[in-house]
Amino acid sequence: MKNLNVNGKAPEHDNEPIDPRKSPMLLINEITRLMSEKFREKDIDNPITQKSERYLLLELAKKDGRTQLDLVKATHMKAPTVSVALQKMEREGFVARRPDEYDLRATRVFLTEKGRALDENIKRRIYEEENLALSNLSSQERDALVKILTKIKFNILLESENSEDVY
């Protein structure tokens, strides 16, 4: 695949430096870093510090009672990462694991009341920060942004599936 610049044209030279102000991926990375710093500054009382745990919490809040394999697929994380994060979350009382009532070989993961309360707190904070960050965008611009970012995510996941390199 040919390397394209922001305008969709091939760079004049293969060694052309990327202008960080014009690179969508570098901007996304910088925005992510800035938002993470804001959350760290304000989340003094947030006991979940690892991204993997936050992703698992959000996925379980969407659909509780998933298997570990379901969570691996939903989060696009490696199985050992999910396993270690769930063990820590279980020790801290945010999740509980129970055998599947129909398939005793499978274990289901559920949020506890403590986990649900933490999820609500995190979602509220995300909503507040997101509204501040997107405050000068129209609803059409927000919709377009979500659509574009979803396409980028799909492309990255498709590339990962094709190379069998899931992170």
C-alpha atoms as a PDB file:
ATOM      1  CA  MET A   1       0.000   0.000   0.000  1.00  0.00           C
ATOM      2  CA  LYS A   2       1.356   3.384  -0.975  1.00  0.00           C
ATOM      3  CA  ASN A   3       2.085   5.847   1.828  1.00  0.00           C
ATOM      4  CA  LEU A   4      -0.267   8.849   1.437  1.00  0.00           C
ATOM      5  CA  ASN A   5      -0.091  12.262   3.058  1.00  0.00           C
ATOM      6  CA  VAL A   6      -3.002  14.197   4.569  1.00  0.00           C
ATOM      7  CA  ASN A   7      -4.275  15.334   1.161  1.00  0.00           C
ATOM      8  CA  GLY A   8      -4.420  11.737  -0.083  1.00  0.00           C
ATOM      9  CA  LYS A   9      -1.413  12.273  -2.323  1.00  0.00           C
ATOM     10  CA  ALA A  10       1.828  10.376  -2.201  1.00  0.00           C
ATOM     11  CA  PRO A  11       4.654  12.350  -0.563  1.00  0.00           C
ATOM     12  CA  GLU A  12       7.247  13.695  -2.982  1.00  0.00           C
ATOM     13  CA  HIS A  13      10.000  11.915  -1.056  1.00  0.00           C
ATOM     14  CA  ASP A  14       9.751   8.731   0.969  1.00  0.00           C
ATOM     15  CA  ASN A  15      11.726  10.408   3.744  1.00  0.00           C
ATOM     16  CA  GLU A  16       9.434  13.455   3.909  1.00  0.00           C
ATOM     17  CA  PRO A  17       8.941  14.275   7.595  1.00  0.00           C
ATOM     18  CA  ILE A  18       5.421  14.155   8.986  1.00  0.00           C
ATOM     19  CA  ASP A  19       4.102  17.560  10.021  1.00  0.00           C
ATOM     20  CA  PRO A  20       2.481  16.784  13.399  1.00  0.00           C
ATOM     21  CA  ARG A  21      -0.022  19.609  12.919  1.00  0.00           C
ATOM     22  CA  LYS A  22      -1.343  17.951   9.762  1.00  0.00           C
ATOM     23  CA  SER A  23      -1.179  14.281  10.713  1.00  0.00           C
ATOM     24  CA  PRO A  24      -4.567  12.977  11.910  1.00  0.00           C
ATOM     25  CA  MET A  25      -3.002  10.060  13.770  1.00  0.00           C
ATOM     26  CA  LEU A  26      -0.527  12.270  15.628  1.00  0.00           C
ATOM     27  CA  LEU A  27      -3.359  14.659  16.525  1.00  0.00           C
ATOM     28  CA  ILE A  28      -5.456  11.760  17.824  1.00  0.00           C
ATOM     29  CA  ASN A  29      -2.484  10.575  19.867  1.00  0.00           C
ATOM     30  CA  GLU A  30      -1.929  14.047  21.323  1.00  0.00           C
ATOM     31  CA  ILE A  31      -5.624  14.470  22.148  1.00  0.00           C
ATOM     32  CA  THR A  32      -5.619  11.065  23.860  1.00  0.00           C
ATOM     33  CA  ARG A  33      -2.559  12.013  25.898  1.00  0.00           C
ATOM     34  CA  LEU A  34      -4.073  15.370  26.914  1.00  0.00           C
ATOM     35  CA  MET A  35      -7.383  13.780  27.931  1.00  0.00           C
ATOM     36  CA  SER A  36      -5.562  11.064  29.890  1.00  0.00           C
ATOM     37  CA  GLU A  37      -3.626  13.738  31.782  1.00  0.00           C
ATOM     38  CA  LYS A  38      -6.876  15.584  32.595  1.00  0.00           C
ATOM     39  CA  PHE A  39      -8.432  12.380  33.932  1.00  0.00           C
ATOM     40  CA  ARG A  40      -5.360  11.563  36.016  1.00  0.00           C
ATOM     41  CA  GLU A  41      -5.388  15.061  37.519  1.00  0.00           C
ATOM     42  CA  LYS A  42      -9.074  14.813  38.481  1.00  0.00           C
ATOM     43  CA  ASP A  43      -9.320  11.104  39.309  1.00  0.00           C
ATOM     44  CA  ILE A  44      -7.490  11.081  42.609  1.00  0.00           C
ATOM     45  CA  ASP A  45     -10.153   8.766  44.040  1.00  0.00           C
ATOM     46  CA  ASN A  46     -10.313   6.436  41.007  1.00  0.00           C
ATOM     47  CA  PRO A  47      -8.916   3.051  42.082  1.00  0.00           C
ATOM     48  CA  ILE A  48      -8.646   1.742  38.511  1.00  0.00           C
ATOM     49  CA  THR A  49      -5.356   2.921  37.096  1.00  0.00           C
ATOM     50  CA  GLN A  50      -4.744   0.545  34.197  1.00  0.00           C
ATOM     51  CA  LYS A  51      -6.322   1.152  30.787  1.00  0.00           C
ATOM     52  CA  SER A  52      -7.038  -2.562  30.456  1.00  0.00           C
ATOM     53  CA  GLU A  53      -9.172  -2.473  33.600  1.00  0.00           C
ATOM     54  CA  ARG A  54     -11.083   0.606  32.384  1.00  0.00           C
ATOM     55  CA  TYR A  55     -11.812  -1.088  29.042  1.00  0.00           C
ATOM     56  CA  LEU A  56     -13.060  -4.205  30.805  1.00  0.00           C
ATOM     57  CA  LEU A  57     -15.229  -2.145  33.148  1.00  0.00           C
ATOM     58  CA  LEU A  58     -16.798  -0.295  30.212  1.00  0.00           C
ATOM     59  CA  GLU A  59     -17.399  -3.525  28.268  1.00  0.00           C
ATOM     60  CA  LEU A  60     -18.989  -5.266  31.244  1.00  0.00           C
ATOM     61  CA  ALA A  61     -21.206  -2.236  31.823  1.00  0.00           C
ATOM     62  CA  LYS A  62     -22.433  -2.577  28.223  1.00  0.00           C
ATOM     63  CA  LYS A  63     -23.157  -6.284  28.632  1.00  0.00           C
ATOM     64  CA  ASP A  64     -22.650  -8.015  31.940  1.00  0.00           C
ATOM     65  CA  GLY A  65     -22.003 -11.733  32.359  1.00  0.00           C
ATOM     66  CA  ARG A  66     -19.561 -12.190  29.507  1.00  0.00           C
ATOM     67  CA  THR A  67     -16.974 -14.904  29.277  1.00  0.00           C
ATOM     68  CA  GLN A  68     -13.296 -14.042  29.358  1.00  0.00           C
ATOM     69  CA  LEU A  69     -13.036 -14.928  25.658  1.00  0.00           C
ATOM     70  CA  ASP A  70     -15.907 -12.527  24.878  1.00  0.00           C
ATOM     71  CA  LEU A  71     -14.015  -9.790  26.715  1.00  0.00           C
ATOM     72  CA  VAL A  72     -10.792 -10.548  24.826  1.00  0.00           C
ATOM     73  CA  LYS A  73     -12.653 -10.138  21.526  1.00  0.00           C
ATOM     74  CA  ALA A  74     -14.573  -7.025  22.613  1.00  0.00           C
ATOM     75  CA  THR A  75     -11.530  -5.172  23.947  1.00  0.00           C
ATOM     76  CA  HIS A  76      -9.024  -6.399  21.336  1.00  0.00           C
ATOM     77  CA  MET A  77      -6.587  -7.176  24.133  1.00  0.00           C
ATOM     78  CA  LYS A  78      -4.536 -10.318  24.570  1.00  0.00           C
ATOM     79  CA  ALA A  79      -5.973 -13.083  26.746  1.00  0.00           C
ATOM     80  CA  PRO A  80      -3.209 -12.882  29.417  1.00  0.00           C
ATOM     81  CA  THR A  81      -3.766  -9.110  29.759  1.00  0.00           C
ATOM     82  CA  VAL A  82      -7.487  -9.643  30.285  1.00  0.00           C
ATOM     83  CA  SER A  83      -6.849 -12.471  32.738  1.00  0.00           C
ATOM     84  CA  VAL A  84      -4.455 -10.446  34.902  1.00  0.00           C
ATOM     85  CA  ALA A  85      -6.716  -7.368  34.853  1.00  0.00           C
ATOM     86  CA  LEU A  86      -9.773  -9.438  35.834  1.00  0.00           C
ATOM     87  CA  GLN A  87      -7.862 -11.079  38.696  1.00  0.00           C
ATOM     88  CA  LYS A  88      -6.945  -7.639  40.055  1.00  0.00           C
ATOM     89  CA  MET A  89     -10.484  -6.310  39.584  1.00  0.00           C
ATOM     90  CA  GLU A  90     -11.889  -9.367  41.348  1.00  0.00           C
ATOM     91  CA  ARG A  91      -9.483  -8.940  44.300  1.00  0.00           C
ATOM     92  CA  GLU A  92     -10.572  -5.299  44.582  1.00  0.00           C
ATOM     93  CA  GLY A  93     -14.264  -6.224  44.501  1.00  0.00           C
ATOM     94  CA  PHE A  94     -15.243  -4.672  41.144  1.00  0.00           C
ATOM     95  CA  VAL A  95     -16.104  -7.948  39.397  1.00  0.00           C
ATOM     96  CA  ALA A  96     -17.191 -11.437  40.383  1.00  0.00           C
ATOM     97  CA  ARG A  97     -16.716 -14.621  38.378  1.00  0.00           C
ATOM     98  CA  ARG A  98     -19.301 -17.374  38.390  1.00  0.00           C
ATOM     99  CA  PRO A  99     -19.605 -20.647  36.473  1.00  0.00           C
ATOM    100  CA  ASP A 100     -21.976 -20.569  33.507  1.00  0.00           C
ATOM    101  CA  GLU A 101     -25.194 -22.276  34.543  1.00  0.00           C
ATOM    102  CA  TYR A 102     -25.454 -24.174  31.230  1.00  0.00           C
ATOM    103  CA  ASP A 103     -21.785 -24.837  30.443  1.00  0.00           C
ATOM    104  CA  LEU A 104     -19.763 -25.554  33.569  1.00  0.00           C
ATOM    105  CA  ARG A 105     -16.530 -25.267  31.573  1.00  0.00           C
ATOM    106  CA  ALA A 106     -17.208 -21.559  31.020  1.00  0.00           C
ATOM    107  CA  THR A 107     -16.873 -18.807  33.611  1.00  0.00           C
ATOM    108  CA  ARG A 108     -18.887 -15.600  33.377  1.00  0.00           C
ATOM    109  CA  VAL A 109     -17.712 -12.223  34.639  1.00  0.00           C
ATOM    110  CA  PHE A 110     -20.157  -9.834  36.327  1.00  0.00           C
ATOM    111  CA  LEU A 111     -19.827  -6.322  37.687  1.00  0.00           C
ATOM    112  CA  THR A 112     -20.455  -6.034  41.413  1.00  0.00           C
ATOM    113  CA  GLU A 113     -22.368  -3.097  42.912  1.00  0.00           C
ATOM    114  CA  LYS A 114     -18.982  -1.510  43.632  1.00  0.00           C
ATOM    115  CA  GLY A 115     -18.030  -1.993  39.968  1.00  0.00           C
ATOM    116  CA  ARG A 116     -21.314  -0.484  38.759  1.00  0.00           C
ATOM    117  CA  ALA A 117     -20.864   2.562  40.987  1.00  0.00           C
ATOM    118  CA  LEU A 118     -17.332   3.074  39.679  1.00  0.00           C
ATOM    119  CA  ASP A 119     -18.546   2.708  36.083  1.00  0.00           C
ATOM    120  CA  GLU A 120     -21.208   5.376  36.626  1.00  0.00           C
ATOM    121  CA  ASN A 121     -18.626   7.713  38.136  1.00  0.00           C
ATOM    122  CA  ILE A 122     -16.197   7.191  35.241  1.00  0.00           C
ATOM    123  CA  LYS A 123     -18.943   7.642  32.624  1.00  0.00           C
ATOM    124  CA  ARG A 124     -20.051  10.892  34.276  1.00  0.00           C
ATOM    125  CA  ARG A 125     -16.490  12.215  34.214  1.00  0.00           C
ATOM    126  CA  ILE A 126     -15.986  11.171  30.597  1.00  0.00           C
ATOM    127  CA  TYR A 127     -19.238  12.900  29.632  1.00  0.00           C
ATOM    128  CA  GLU A 128     -18.185  16.119  31.386  1.00  0.00           C
ATOM    129  CA  GLU A 129     -14.710  16.199  29.831  1.00  0.00           C
ATOM    130  CA  GLU A 130     -15.993  15.222  26.399  1.00  0.00           C
ATOM    131  CA  ASN A 131     -18.568  18.006  26.447  1.00  0.00           C
ATOM    132  CA  LEU A 132     -15.856  20.523  27.301  1.00  0.00           C
ATOM    133  CA  ALA A 133     -13.522  19.202  24.604  1.00  0.00           C
ATOM    134  CA  LEU A 134     -16.225  19.201  21.923  1.00  0.00           C
ATOM    135  CA  SER A 135     -18.056  22.335  23.059  1.00  0.00           C
ATOM    136  CA  ASN A 136     -17.406  24.351  19.900  1.00  0.00           C
ATOM    137  CA  LEU A 137     -18.494  21.586  17.502  1.00  0.00           C
ATOM    138  CA  SER A 138     -21.969  21.432  15.992  1.00  0.00           C
ATOM    139  CA  SER A 139     -23.963  18.222  16.278  1.00  0.00           C
ATOM    140  CA  GLN A 140     -23.228  17.550  12.588  1.00  0.00           C
ATOM    141  CA  GLU A 141     -19.489  17.975  13.219  1.00  0.00           C
ATOM    142  CA  ARG A 142     -19.678  15.633  16.220  1.00  0.00           C
ATOM    143  CA  ASP A 143     -21.518  13.042  14.132  1.00  0.00           C
ATOM    144  CA  ALA A 144     -18.961  13.382  11.323  1.00  0.00           C
ATOM    145  CA  LEU A 145     -16.082  13.061  13.803  1.00  0.00           C
ATOM    146  CA  VAL A 146     -17.529   9.869  15.294  1.00  0.00           C
ATOM    147  CA  LYS A 147     -18.124   8.435  11.822  1.00  0.00           C
ATOM    148  CA  ILE A 148     -14.556   9.181  10.710  1.00  0.00           C
ATOM    149  CA  LEU A 149     -12.978   7.852  13.917  1.00  0.00           C
ATOM    150  CA  THR A 150     -15.089   4.690  13.659  1.00  0.00           C
ATOM    151  CA  LYS A 151     -13.792   4.131  10.122  1.00  0.00           C
ATOM    152  CA  ILE A 152     -10.202   4.628  11.309  1.00  0.00           C
ATOM    153  CA  LYS A 153     -10.740   2.140  14.144  1.00  0.00           C
ATOM    154  CA  PHE A 154     -12.230  -0.363  11.692  1.00  0.00           C
ATOM    155  CA  ASN A 155      -9.231   0.009   9.358  1.00  0.00           C
ATOM    156  CA  ILE A 156      -6.792  -0.568  12.214  1.00  0.00           C
ATOM    157  CA  LEU A 157      -8.692  -3.606  13.476  1.00  0.00           C
ATOM    158  CA  LEU A 158      -8.971  -5.009   9.964  1.00  0.00           C
ATOM    159  CA  GLU A 159      -5.209  -4.601   9.515  1.00  0.00           C
ATOM    160  CA  SER A 160      -4.640  -6.322  12.871  1.00  0.00           C
ATOM    161  CA  GLU A 161      -6.893  -9.233  11.917  1.00  0.00           C
ATOM    162  CA  ASN A 162      -5.160  -9.626   8.575  1.00  0.00           C
ATOM    163  CA  SER A 163      -1.739  -9.700  10.192  1.00  0.00           C
ATOM    164  CA  GLU A 164      -3.063 -11.671  13.192  1.00  0.00           C
ATOM    165  CA  ASP A 165      -1.389  -9.141  15.468  1.00  0.00           C
ATOM    166  CA  VAL A 166      -4.060  -8.251  18.015  1.00  0.00           C
ATOM    167  CA  TYR A 167      -2.869  -5.933  20.777  1.00  0.00           C
END
